Amino acid sequence: MKKIFFLPIVALLVFSSCTSLDDTEIPKIFKKIFSDDFQDLPHNVTFVKENWINFAEAGTVLWKSRIFDGNAYAEFNTFQSGNVSNIGWLVTPEIDTQNNRNVSLIFQSAQNFVSSDDNNLKVYISNNMTGNNVLAATWTELSATVANRTTAGYTFISSGKVDLSAYTGGKIRIAFKVTGSGTNTSLDGLFQVDNVKIIEN
């Protein structure tokens, strides 16, 4: 009975592996190097998590951890901050990619009340940051899909796979940086980030 049952399975696997690129692809399995979905954080307080850095370059606003409908995420909101300029950084812990190749970043982002391209979320990578000194590090902006004024409000979108291969082979940090204002109503929107992952393709 075992031999009769085994043969059809082999035939099915061989047939599936020969499908064209136009057909449904067999799901790939990725090695996860780093992952954080923020589900262990409390609602509506300053974002505090071990080895993460929450830093205000301009103004007094810091990132917060928030929960809606059971989902936790990080949020930067400049509304009524009273600051002419708000620039906030949320920086990941140090991530060791020394033994990894073909590394990618994946995350989700959302926005609400954003009406100007000058009110924005950008993503950066550094491989020379030491300690907690964010501004002393060299940061390179990454080409990722992020929420902006054209994105539906409070709707998380995927960044897609952001290739990090040119920057890996050592220890890296990823930073999420929001620029806004608490006094200019065209720049006082909010941004949210969730499900940050570094994977080996």
N, C-alpha and C. Protein backbone atom coordinates (compact mmCIF):
# COMPACT_ATOMS: atom_id res chain seq x y z
N MET A 1 0.83 -1.21 0.00
CA MET A 1 0.00 0.00 0.00
C MET A 1 0.86 1.26 0.00
N LYS A 2 1.99 1.28 0.70
CA LYS A 2 2.85 2.46 0.76
C LYS A 2 3.41 2.79 -0.61
N LYS A 3 3.78 1.77 -1.37
CA LYS A 3 4.37 2.01 -2.68
C LYS A 3 3.34 2.59 -3.65
N ILE A 4 2.14 2.12 -3.60
CA ILE A 4 1.09 2.64 -4.47
C ILE A 4 0.77 4.09 -4.13
N PHE A 5 0.79 4.43 -2.86
CA PHE A 5 0.48 5.80 -2.43
C PHE A 5 1.61 6.77 -2.78
N PHE A 6 2.84 6.30 -2.81
CA PHE A 6 4.01 7.16 -3.02
C PHE A 6 4.13 7.65 -4.46
N LEU A 7 3.84 6.83 -5.41
CA LEU A 7 4.05 7.18 -6.81
C LEU A 7 3.27 8.39 -7.28
N PRO A 8 1.98 8.55 -6.95
CA PRO A 8 1.25 9.75 -7.40
C PRO A 8 1.81 11.04 -6.83
N ILE A 9 2.34 10.99 -5.61
CA ILE A 9 2.92 12.20 -5.00
C ILE A 9 4.14 12.64 -5.77
N VAL A 10 5.00 11.73 -6.16
CA VAL A 10 6.19 12.05 -6.94
C VAL A 10 5.79 12.69 -8.25
N ALA A 11 4.80 12.13 -8.90
CA ALA A 11 4.35 12.65 -10.19
C ALA A 11 3.82 14.07 -10.03
N LEU A 12 3.10 14.35 -8.96
CA LEU A 12 2.55 15.68 -8.74
C LEU A 12 3.65 16.70 -8.52
N LEU A 13 4.68 16.34 -7.77
CA LEU A 13 5.78 17.26 -7.50
C LEU A 13 6.54 17.57 -8.77
N VAL A 14 6.79 16.61 -9.59
CA VAL A 14 7.51 16.83 -10.83
C VAL A 14 6.72 17.74 -11.75
N PHE A 15 5.43 17.52 -11.82
CA PHE A 15 4.59 18.36 -12.68
C PHE A 15 4.57 19.80 -12.19
N SER A 16 4.45 20.01 -10.85
CA SER A 16 4.38 21.35 -10.29
C SER A 16 5.66 22.12 -10.52
N SER A 17 6.81 21.44 -10.46
CA SER A 17 8.09 22.13 -10.61
C SER A 17 8.33 22.57 -12.04
N CYS A 18 7.55 22.10 -12.96
CA CYS A 18 7.75 22.44 -14.36
C CYS A 18 6.79 23.52 -14.85
N THR A 19 6.01 24.09 -13.94
CA THR A 19 5.08 25.13 -14.37
C THR A 19 5.84 26.35 -14.84
N SER A 20 5.24 27.08 -15.79
CA SER A 20 5.91 28.27 -16.32
C SER A 20 5.80 29.42 -15.34
N LEU A 21 6.55 30.50 -15.59
CA LEU A 21 6.53 31.67 -14.72
C LEU A 21 5.18 32.36 -14.75
N ASP A 22 4.36 32.09 -15.76
CA ASP A 22 3.05 32.71 -15.85
C ASP A 22 2.05 32.04 -14.93
N ASP A 23 2.37 30.82 -14.47
CA ASP A 23 1.47 30.10 -13.58
C ASP A 23 1.81 30.43 -12.13
N THR A 24 1.02 29.87 -11.24
CA THR A 24 1.26 30.10 -9.82
C THR A 24 2.61 29.52 -9.41
N GLU A 25 3.44 30.36 -8.76
CA GLU A 25 4.77 29.91 -8.36
C GLU A 25 4.71 29.16 -7.04
N ILE A 26 5.62 28.22 -6.88
CA ILE A 26 5.75 27.52 -5.62
C ILE A 26 6.32 28.48 -4.59
N PRO A 27 5.70 28.64 -3.40
CA PRO A 27 6.18 29.59 -2.41
C PRO A 27 7.62 29.31 -2.00
N LYS A 28 8.41 30.39 -1.85
CA LYS A 28 9.79 30.24 -1.41
C LYS A 28 9.88 30.38 0.10
N ILE A 29 10.86 29.74 0.68
CA ILE A 29 11.09 29.82 2.12
C ILE A 29 12.32 30.70 2.34
N PHE A 30 12.18 31.75 3.15
CA PHE A 30 13.26 32.67 3.40
C PHE A 30 13.80 32.48 4.82
N LYS A 31 15.09 32.68 4.97
CA LYS A 31 15.71 32.64 6.29
C LYS A 31 15.54 34.01 6.95
N LYS A 32 14.95 34.02 8.11
CA LYS A 32 14.70 35.27 8.82
C LYS A 32 15.91 35.62 9.69
N ILE A 33 16.50 36.78 9.45
CA ILE A 33 17.65 37.23 10.21
C ILE A 33 17.22 38.11 11.39
N PHE A 34 16.20 38.92 11.15
CA PHE A 34 15.69 39.82 12.18
C PHE A 34 14.20 40.03 11.92
N SER A 35 13.43 40.14 13.00
CA SER A 35 11.98 40.36 12.83
C SER A 35 11.42 41.02 14.08
N ASP A 36 10.56 42.02 13.87
CA ASP A 36 9.87 42.64 15.01
C ASP A 36 8.50 43.14 14.55
N ASP A 37 7.45 42.67 15.24
CA ASP A 37 6.10 43.11 14.92
C ASP A 37 5.50 43.99 16.02
N PHE A 38 6.29 44.28 17.06
CA PHE A 38 5.93 45.21 18.14
C PHE A 38 4.75 44.75 18.98
N GLN A 39 4.35 43.50 18.86
CA GLN A 39 3.16 43.02 19.57
C GLN A 39 3.35 42.98 21.09
N ASP A 40 4.56 43.09 21.56
CA ASP A 40 4.81 43.05 23.00
C ASP A 40 4.83 44.45 23.62
N LEU A 41 4.51 45.48 22.84
CA LEU A 41 4.56 46.85 23.35
C LEU A 41 3.18 47.35 23.77
N PRO A 42 3.14 48.28 24.74
CA PRO A 42 1.86 48.82 25.22
C PRO A 42 1.30 49.89 24.30
N HIS A 43 0.07 50.30 24.56
CA HIS A 43 -0.62 51.27 23.72
C HIS A 43 -0.36 52.72 24.15
N ASN A 44 -0.09 53.54 23.16
CA ASN A 44 -0.07 54.99 23.30
C ASN A 44 0.92 55.51 24.34
N VAL A 45 2.12 54.99 24.28
CA VAL A 45 3.21 55.49 25.12
C VAL A 45 4.45 55.67 24.25
N THR A 46 5.42 56.41 24.75
CA THR A 46 6.67 56.58 24.02
C THR A 46 7.27 55.22 23.70
N PHE A 47 7.69 55.04 22.47
CA PHE A 47 8.25 53.76 22.02
C PHE A 47 9.55 53.48 22.77
N VAL A 48 9.54 52.43 23.55
CA VAL A 48 10.73 51.99 24.28
C VAL A 48 10.86 50.48 24.11
N LYS A 49 11.96 50.08 23.50
CA LYS A 49 12.21 48.64 23.32
C LYS A 49 13.70 48.41 23.32
N GLU A 50 14.12 47.30 23.93
CA GLU A 50 15.54 47.02 24.10
C GLU A 50 16.30 47.10 22.78
N ASN A 51 17.35 47.91 22.80
CA ASN A 51 18.30 48.08 21.69
C ASN A 51 17.75 48.89 20.52
N TRP A 52 16.48 49.27 20.53
CA TRP A 52 15.96 50.21 19.56
C TRP A 52 16.30 51.63 20.02
N ILE A 53 16.44 52.55 19.09
CA ILE A 53 16.72 53.95 19.42
C ILE A 53 15.59 54.82 18.91
N ASN A 54 15.03 55.63 19.80
CA ASN A 54 13.95 56.56 19.50
C ASN A 54 14.51 57.97 19.73
N PHE A 55 14.74 58.71 18.65
CA PHE A 55 15.53 59.94 18.75
C PHE A 55 14.85 61.09 18.00
N ALA A 56 14.74 62.24 18.67
CA ALA A 56 14.20 63.44 18.04
C ALA A 56 15.35 64.33 17.60
N GLU A 57 15.52 64.43 16.28
CA GLU A 57 16.56 65.31 15.73
C GLU A 57 16.13 66.78 15.82
N ALA A 58 14.84 67.04 15.61
CA ALA A 58 14.28 68.39 15.71
C ALA A 58 12.92 68.29 16.40
N GLY A 59 12.64 69.26 17.28
CA GLY A 59 11.38 69.23 18.01
C GLY A 59 11.40 68.27 19.18
N THR A 60 10.25 68.07 19.76
CA THR A 60 10.14 67.25 20.97
C THR A 60 9.39 65.93 20.77
N VAL A 61 8.84 65.72 19.58
CA VAL A 61 8.03 64.52 19.33
C VAL A 61 8.92 63.29 19.18
N LEU A 62 8.54 62.22 19.86
CA LEU A 62 9.19 60.92 19.71
C LEU A 62 8.19 59.92 19.15
N TRP A 63 8.71 58.84 18.62
CA TRP A 63 7.83 57.76 18.15
C TRP A 63 7.09 57.16 19.34
N LYS A 64 5.87 56.70 19.09
CA LYS A 64 5.07 56.03 20.11
C LYS A 64 4.74 54.61 19.66
N SER A 65 4.46 53.75 20.62
CA SER A 65 3.89 52.45 20.30
C SER A 65 2.39 52.56 20.49
N ARG A 66 1.64 52.02 19.53
CA ARG A 66 0.18 52.10 19.58
C ARG A 66 -0.43 50.76 19.17
N ILE A 67 -1.67 50.55 19.58
CA ILE A 67 -2.38 49.32 19.25
C ILE A 67 -3.76 49.68 18.72
N PHE A 68 -4.15 49.09 17.60
CA PHE A 68 -5.51 49.25 17.08
C PHE A 68 -6.02 47.90 16.61
N ASP A 69 -7.17 47.52 17.10
CA ASP A 69 -7.81 46.26 16.71
C ASP A 69 -6.86 45.07 16.90
N GLY A 70 -6.12 45.11 17.99
CA GLY A 70 -5.23 44.00 18.33
C GLY A 70 -3.87 44.03 17.66
N ASN A 71 -3.64 44.99 16.77
CA ASN A 71 -2.36 45.08 16.07
C ASN A 71 -1.52 46.23 16.62
N ALA A 72 -0.31 45.93 17.01
CA ALA A 72 0.61 46.94 17.54
C ALA A 72 1.54 47.43 16.44
N TYR A 73 1.95 48.70 16.54
CA TYR A 73 2.82 49.30 15.53
C TYR A 73 3.50 50.52 16.13
N ALA A 74 4.47 51.07 15.42
CA ALA A 74 5.14 52.30 15.83
C ALA A 74 4.55 53.46 15.05
N GLU A 75 4.36 54.61 15.73
CA GLU A 75 3.73 55.76 15.08
C GLU A 75 4.47 57.06 15.43
N PHE A 76 4.60 57.94 14.41
CA PHE A 76 5.16 59.28 14.62
C PHE A 76 4.12 60.29 14.16
N ASN A 77 3.64 61.10 15.11
CA ASN A 77 2.55 62.02 14.85
C ASN A 77 2.92 63.42 15.34
N THR A 78 2.98 64.40 14.44
CA THR A 78 3.40 65.75 14.81
C THR A 78 2.23 66.68 15.11
N PHE A 79 1.00 66.20 15.02
CA PHE A 79 -0.18 67.05 15.17
C PHE A 79 -0.16 67.79 16.51
N GLN A 80 -0.25 69.12 16.43
CA GLN A 80 -0.30 70.00 17.59
C GLN A 80 0.91 69.84 18.52
N SER A 81 2.05 69.53 17.95
CA SER A 81 3.26 69.40 18.78
C SER A 81 3.75 70.76 19.27
N GLY A 82 3.40 71.81 18.53
CA GLY A 82 3.89 73.14 18.88
C GLY A 82 5.27 73.44 18.33
N ASN A 83 5.88 72.46 17.66
CA ASN A 83 7.22 72.63 17.10
C ASN A 83 7.13 73.00 15.63
N VAL A 84 7.93 73.99 15.22
CA VAL A 84 7.97 74.36 13.81
C VAL A 84 8.50 73.21 12.97
N SER A 85 9.46 72.49 13.50
CA SER A 85 10.04 71.34 12.79
C SER A 85 10.07 70.14 13.70
N ASN A 86 9.62 69.00 13.18
CA ASN A 86 9.73 67.73 13.89
C ASN A 86 10.41 66.72 12.98
N ILE A 87 11.52 66.19 13.44
CA ILE A 87 12.22 65.12 12.72
C ILE A 87 12.48 64.00 13.73
N GLY A 88 11.92 62.84 13.48
CA GLY A 88 12.05 61.73 14.41
C GLY A 88 12.63 60.49 13.75
N TRP A 89 13.57 59.87 14.44
CA TRP A 89 14.23 58.65 13.98
C TRP A 89 13.82 57.48 14.85
N LEU A 90 13.54 56.35 14.21
CA LEU A 90 13.36 55.08 14.93
C LEU A 90 14.35 54.10 14.31
N VAL A 91 15.32 53.68 15.12
CA VAL A 91 16.45 52.90 14.61
C VAL A 91 16.43 51.50 15.20
N THR A 92 16.59 50.50 14.35
CA THR A 92 16.58 49.10 14.80
C THR A 92 17.81 48.79 15.64
N PRO A 93 17.75 47.70 16.36
CA PRO A 93 18.97 47.19 17.00
C PRO A 93 20.02 46.86 15.94
N GLU A 94 21.24 46.66 16.37
CA GLU A 94 22.31 46.23 15.46
C GLU A 94 22.00 44.83 14.95
N ILE A 95 22.08 44.65 13.66
CA ILE A 95 21.73 43.36 13.03
C ILE A 95 22.96 42.81 12.35
N ASP A 96 23.38 41.63 12.75
CA ASP A 96 24.60 41.02 12.22
C ASP A 96 24.28 40.24 10.94
N THR A 97 24.85 40.69 9.81
CA THR A 97 24.64 40.02 8.53
C THR A 97 25.95 39.44 7.99
N GLN A 98 26.92 39.26 8.85
CA GLN A 98 28.26 38.83 8.43
C GLN A 98 28.23 37.51 7.68
N ASN A 99 27.35 36.62 8.07
CA ASN A 99 27.31 35.28 7.46
C ASN A 99 26.14 35.12 6.49
N ASN A 100 25.62 36.24 6.02
CA ASN A 100 24.45 36.18 5.14
C ASN A 100 24.72 36.84 3.80
N ARG A 101 24.08 36.32 2.75
CA ARG A 101 24.17 36.90 1.42
C ARG A 101 22.76 37.13 0.89
N ASN A 102 22.64 37.98 -0.13
CA ASN A 102 21.34 38.26 -0.75
C ASN A 102 20.30 38.64 0.30
N VAL A 103 20.63 39.66 1.07
CA VAL A 103 19.79 40.08 2.19
C VAL A 103 18.81 41.16 1.75
N SER A 104 17.58 41.10 2.26
CA SER A 104 16.55 42.08 1.93
C SER A 104 15.82 42.56 3.17
N LEU A 105 15.30 43.77 3.08
CA LEU A 105 14.45 44.36 4.12
C LEU A 105 13.00 44.34 3.64
N ILE A 106 12.09 44.00 4.55
CA ILE A 106 10.66 44.06 4.28
C ILE A 106 9.99 44.71 5.49
N PHE A 107 9.07 45.63 5.25
CA PHE A 107 8.31 46.23 6.34
C PHE A 107 6.99 46.74 5.78
N GLN A 108 6.13 47.23 6.65
CA GLN A 108 4.87 47.84 6.24
C GLN A 108 4.80 49.26 6.79
N SER A 109 4.14 50.13 6.04
CA SER A 109 3.96 51.51 6.51
C SER A 109 2.56 52.00 6.17
N ALA A 110 2.11 53.00 6.93
CA ALA A 110 0.80 53.62 6.70
C ALA A 110 0.89 55.09 7.05
N GLN A 111 -0.11 55.85 6.60
CA GLN A 111 -0.15 57.28 6.91
C GLN A 111 -1.59 57.71 7.14
N ASN A 112 -1.74 58.89 7.73
CA ASN A 112 -3.04 59.55 7.74
C ASN A 112 -2.83 61.05 7.92
N PHE A 113 -3.69 61.82 7.28
CA PHE A 113 -3.65 63.29 7.30
C PHE A 113 -2.42 63.87 6.60
N VAL A 114 -1.70 63.07 5.83
CA VAL A 114 -0.53 63.58 5.10
C VAL A 114 -1.01 64.19 3.78
N SER A 115 -0.65 65.46 3.56
CA SER A 115 -1.13 66.17 2.37
C SER A 115 0.00 66.78 1.55
N SER A 116 1.24 66.62 1.99
CA SER A 116 2.38 67.21 1.29
C SER A 116 3.53 66.22 1.21
N ASP A 117 4.26 66.27 0.10
CA ASP A 117 5.44 65.40 -0.04
C ASP A 117 6.55 65.80 0.93
N ASP A 118 6.48 67.00 1.48
CA ASP A 118 7.48 67.44 2.45
C ASP A 118 7.24 66.84 3.83
N ASN A 119 6.06 66.29 4.02
CA ASN A 119 5.73 65.55 5.23
C ASN A 119 5.90 64.07 4.88
N ASN A 120 7.05 63.48 5.24
CA ASN A 120 7.37 62.19 4.64
C ASN A 120 8.05 61.22 5.60
N LEU A 121 8.01 59.97 5.18
CA LEU A 121 8.72 58.88 5.84
C LEU A 121 9.80 58.39 4.89
N LYS A 122 11.04 58.31 5.39
CA LYS A 122 12.14 57.77 4.59
C LYS A 122 12.84 56.67 5.38
N VAL A 123 13.50 55.78 4.66
CA VAL A 123 14.15 54.62 5.27
C VAL A 123 15.63 54.64 4.91
N TYR A 124 16.48 54.39 5.91
CA TYR A 124 17.92 54.47 5.72
C TYR A 124 18.61 53.23 6.28
N ILE A 125 19.86 53.04 5.84
CA ILE A 125 20.70 51.97 6.36
C ILE A 125 22.06 52.53 6.72
N SER A 126 22.65 52.01 7.79
CA SER A 126 24.01 52.39 8.18
C SER A 126 24.77 51.14 8.59
N ASN A 127 26.05 51.11 8.25
CA ASN A 127 26.90 50.01 8.71
C ASN A 127 28.08 50.52 9.54
N ASN A 128 27.97 51.79 10.04
CA ASN A 128 29.06 52.30 10.87
C ASN A 128 28.56 53.04 12.10
N MET A 129 27.33 52.79 12.50
CA MET A 129 26.82 53.46 13.69
C MET A 129 27.35 52.79 14.94
N THR A 130 27.82 53.59 15.87
CA THR A 130 28.31 53.08 17.15
C THR A 130 27.56 53.75 18.28
N GLY A 131 27.26 52.99 19.32
CA GLY A 131 26.53 53.54 20.45
C GLY A 131 25.15 54.03 20.05
N ASN A 132 24.75 55.16 20.65
CA ASN A 132 23.44 55.72 20.38
C ASN A 132 23.48 57.01 19.58
N ASN A 133 24.63 57.33 19.01
CA ASN A 133 24.80 58.59 18.29
C ASN A 133 24.30 58.45 16.85
N VAL A 134 23.04 58.74 16.64
CA VAL A 134 22.41 58.56 15.34
C VAL A 134 23.03 59.47 14.29
N LEU A 135 23.24 60.73 14.62
CA LEU A 135 23.68 61.71 13.63
C LEU A 135 25.16 61.58 13.27
N ALA A 136 25.92 60.84 14.07
CA ALA A 136 27.34 60.65 13.75
C ALA A 136 27.55 59.53 12.74
N ALA A 137 26.53 58.73 12.51
CA ALA A 137 26.64 57.61 11.57
C ALA A 137 26.44 58.09 10.13
N THR A 138 26.91 57.29 9.20
CA THR A 138 26.67 57.54 7.78
C THR A 138 25.42 56.76 7.36
N TRP A 139 24.42 57.48 6.86
CA TRP A 139 23.15 56.86 6.49
C TRP A 139 22.93 56.95 4.99
N THR A 140 22.50 55.86 4.39
CA THR A 140 22.18 55.81 2.97
C THR A 140 20.69 55.55 2.81
N GLU A 141 20.01 56.41 2.06
CA GLU A 141 18.58 56.22 1.87
C GLU A 141 18.30 55.00 0.99
N LEU A 142 17.33 54.22 1.38
CA LEU A 142 16.95 53.01 0.64
C LEU A 142 15.75 53.30 -0.25
N SER A 143 15.71 52.63 -1.37
CA SER A 143 14.59 52.77 -2.30
C SER A 143 13.51 51.76 -1.93
N ALA A 144 12.56 52.22 -1.12
CA ALA A 144 11.49 51.35 -0.65
C ALA A 144 10.15 52.01 -0.93
N THR A 145 9.12 51.20 -1.09
CA THR A 145 7.77 51.73 -1.22
C THR A 145 7.26 52.08 0.17
N VAL A 146 6.94 53.37 0.38
CA VAL A 146 6.46 53.81 1.69
C VAL A 146 5.16 54.59 1.52
N ALA A 147 4.39 54.64 2.59
CA ALA A 147 3.14 55.40 2.57
C ALA A 147 3.43 56.88 2.35
N ASN A 148 2.57 57.55 1.59
CA ASN A 148 2.71 58.99 1.35
C ASN A 148 1.31 59.60 1.19
N ARG A 149 1.25 60.84 0.71
CA ARG A 149 -0.03 61.56 0.66
C ARG A 149 -1.06 60.89 -0.26
N THR A 150 -0.60 60.03 -1.18
CA THR A 150 -1.53 59.37 -2.10
C THR A 150 -2.05 58.03 -1.58
N THR A 151 -1.50 57.57 -0.47
CA THR A 151 -1.89 56.29 0.10
C THR A 151 -3.17 56.44 0.92
N ALA A 152 -4.05 55.50 0.83
CA ALA A 152 -5.28 55.54 1.62
C ALA A 152 -4.96 55.61 3.10
N GLY A 153 -5.73 56.40 3.83
CA GLY A 153 -5.48 56.59 5.25
C GLY A 153 -5.57 55.31 6.06
N TYR A 154 -4.63 55.19 7.02
CA TYR A 154 -4.60 54.05 7.93
C TYR A 154 -4.59 52.70 7.22
N THR A 155 -3.99 52.66 6.05
CA THR A 155 -3.90 51.41 5.29
C THR A 155 -2.43 51.02 5.14
N PHE A 156 -2.04 49.93 5.77
CA PHE A 156 -0.66 49.49 5.68
C PHE A 156 -0.35 48.94 4.28
N ILE A 157 0.78 49.37 3.75
CA ILE A 157 1.24 48.86 2.46
C ILE A 157 2.61 48.23 2.65
N SER A 158 2.95 47.32 1.76
CA SER A 158 4.24 46.63 1.85
C SER A 158 5.34 47.42 1.16
N SER A 159 6.50 47.37 1.74
CA SER A 159 7.67 48.02 1.15
C SER A 159 8.19 47.28 -0.07
N GLY A 160 7.75 46.02 -0.23
CA GLY A 160 8.39 45.15 -1.20
C GLY A 160 9.73 44.70 -0.63
N LYS A 161 10.41 43.83 -1.33
CA LYS A 161 11.74 43.39 -0.88
C LYS A 161 12.77 44.45 -1.27
N VAL A 162 13.41 45.04 -0.27
CA VAL A 162 14.42 46.07 -0.49
C VAL A 162 15.79 45.42 -0.40
N ASP A 163 16.51 45.40 -1.50
CA ASP A 163 17.79 44.71 -1.57
C ASP A 163 18.84 45.43 -0.72
N LEU A 164 19.46 44.69 0.21
CA LEU A 164 20.49 45.25 1.08
C LEU A 164 21.86 44.64 0.81
N SER A 165 21.97 43.86 -0.24
CA SER A 165 23.20 43.10 -0.48
C SER A 165 24.44 43.97 -0.57
N ALA A 166 24.29 45.19 -1.06
CA ALA A 166 25.44 46.08 -1.23
C ALA A 166 25.95 46.63 0.10
N TYR A 167 25.17 46.47 1.17
CA TYR A 167 25.54 47.07 2.45
C TYR A 167 25.81 46.04 3.54
N THR A 168 25.58 44.77 3.24
CA THR A 168 25.67 43.75 4.28
C THR A 168 27.05 43.07 4.28
N GLY A 169 27.18 42.06 5.14
CA GLY A 169 28.46 41.41 5.33
C GLY A 169 29.06 41.79 6.66
N GLY A 170 28.32 42.59 7.42
CA GLY A 170 28.75 43.03 8.75
C GLY A 170 27.53 43.38 9.57
N LYS A 171 27.68 44.36 10.45
CA LYS A 171 26.58 44.77 11.31
C LYS A 171 25.93 46.03 10.75
N ILE A 172 24.60 46.00 10.67
CA ILE A 172 23.85 47.11 10.08
C ILE A 172 22.74 47.56 11.02
N ARG A 173 22.25 48.76 10.75
CA ARG A 173 21.04 49.26 11.41
C ARG A 173 20.14 49.87 10.34
N ILE A 174 18.85 49.72 10.52
CA ILE A 174 17.85 50.33 9.65
C ILE A 174 17.18 51.45 10.43
N ALA A 175 16.94 52.59 9.77
CA ALA A 175 16.30 53.72 10.43
C ALA A 175 15.07 54.18 9.66
N PHE A 176 14.02 54.49 10.40
CA PHE A 176 12.81 55.08 9.84
C PHE A 176 12.77 56.53 10.31
N LYS A 177 12.76 57.46 9.36
CA LYS A 177 12.86 58.88 9.68
C LYS A 177 11.65 59.63 9.12
N VAL A 178 10.96 60.35 9.99
CA VAL A 178 9.80 61.15 9.58
C VAL A 178 10.13 62.64 9.73
N THR A 179 9.75 63.41 8.73
CA THR A 179 9.90 64.87 8.76
C THR A 179 8.52 65.50 8.70
N GLY A 180 8.24 66.41 9.65
CA GLY A 180 6.94 67.06 9.69
C GLY A 180 7.00 68.34 10.49
N SER A 181 5.82 68.82 10.89
CA SER A 181 5.73 70.07 11.65
C SER A 181 4.47 70.06 12.50
N GLY A 182 4.56 70.69 13.65
CA GLY A 182 3.39 70.81 14.51
C GLY A 182 2.70 72.15 14.38
N THR A 183 3.25 73.06 13.59
CA THR A 183 2.65 74.38 13.42
C THR A 183 2.16 74.61 12.00
N ASN A 184 2.68 73.87 11.04
CA ASN A 184 2.25 73.96 9.65
C ASN A 184 1.25 72.84 9.39
N THR A 185 -0.01 73.19 9.19
CA THR A 185 -1.05 72.17 9.08
C THR A 185 -0.92 71.29 7.83
N SER A 186 -0.10 71.71 6.87
CA SER A 186 0.12 70.86 5.70
C SER A 186 1.22 69.83 5.95
N LEU A 187 1.85 69.90 7.13
CA LEU A 187 2.96 69.00 7.44
C LEU A 187 2.75 68.26 8.76
N ASP A 188 1.50 68.17 9.23
CA ASP A 188 1.29 67.58 10.55
C ASP A 188 0.59 66.22 10.49
N GLY A 189 0.88 65.46 9.44
CA GLY A 189 0.31 64.12 9.33
C GLY A 189 1.05 63.12 10.21
N LEU A 190 0.56 61.88 10.21
CA LEU A 190 1.20 60.83 11.00
C LEU A 190 1.63 59.67 10.09
N PHE A 191 2.66 58.97 10.55
CA PHE A 191 3.15 57.79 9.85
C PHE A 191 3.25 56.62 10.82
N GLN A 192 3.02 55.42 10.29
CA GLN A 192 3.08 54.20 11.09
C GLN A 192 3.97 53.17 10.40
N VAL A 193 4.67 52.39 11.21
CA VAL A 193 5.57 51.34 10.70
C VAL A 193 5.29 50.05 11.47
N ASP A 194 5.33 48.93 10.76
CA ASP A 194 5.04 47.65 11.39
C ASP A 194 5.76 46.52 10.65
N ASN A 195 5.87 45.38 11.32
CA ASN A 195 6.37 44.12 10.75
C ASN A 195 7.69 44.30 9.99
N VAL A 196 8.70 44.70 10.74
CA VAL A 196 10.03 44.93 10.17
C VAL A 196 10.79 43.60 10.15
N LYS A 197 11.28 43.23 8.95
CA LYS A 197 12.00 41.97 8.80
C LYS A 197 13.24 42.14 7.94
N ILE A 198 14.31 41.46 8.31
CA ILE A 198 15.48 41.32 7.47
C ILE A 198 15.57 39.83 7.13
N ILE A 199 15.60 39.52 5.84
CA ILE A 199 15.62 38.11 5.44
C ILE A 199 16.78 37.83 4.49
N GLU A 200 17.15 36.56 4.42
CA GLU A 200 18.11 36.10 3.42
C GLU A 200 17.30 35.42 2.33
N ASN A 201 17.38 35.90 1.11
CA ASN A 201 16.56 35.38 0.01
C ASN A 201 16.90 33.91 -0.30
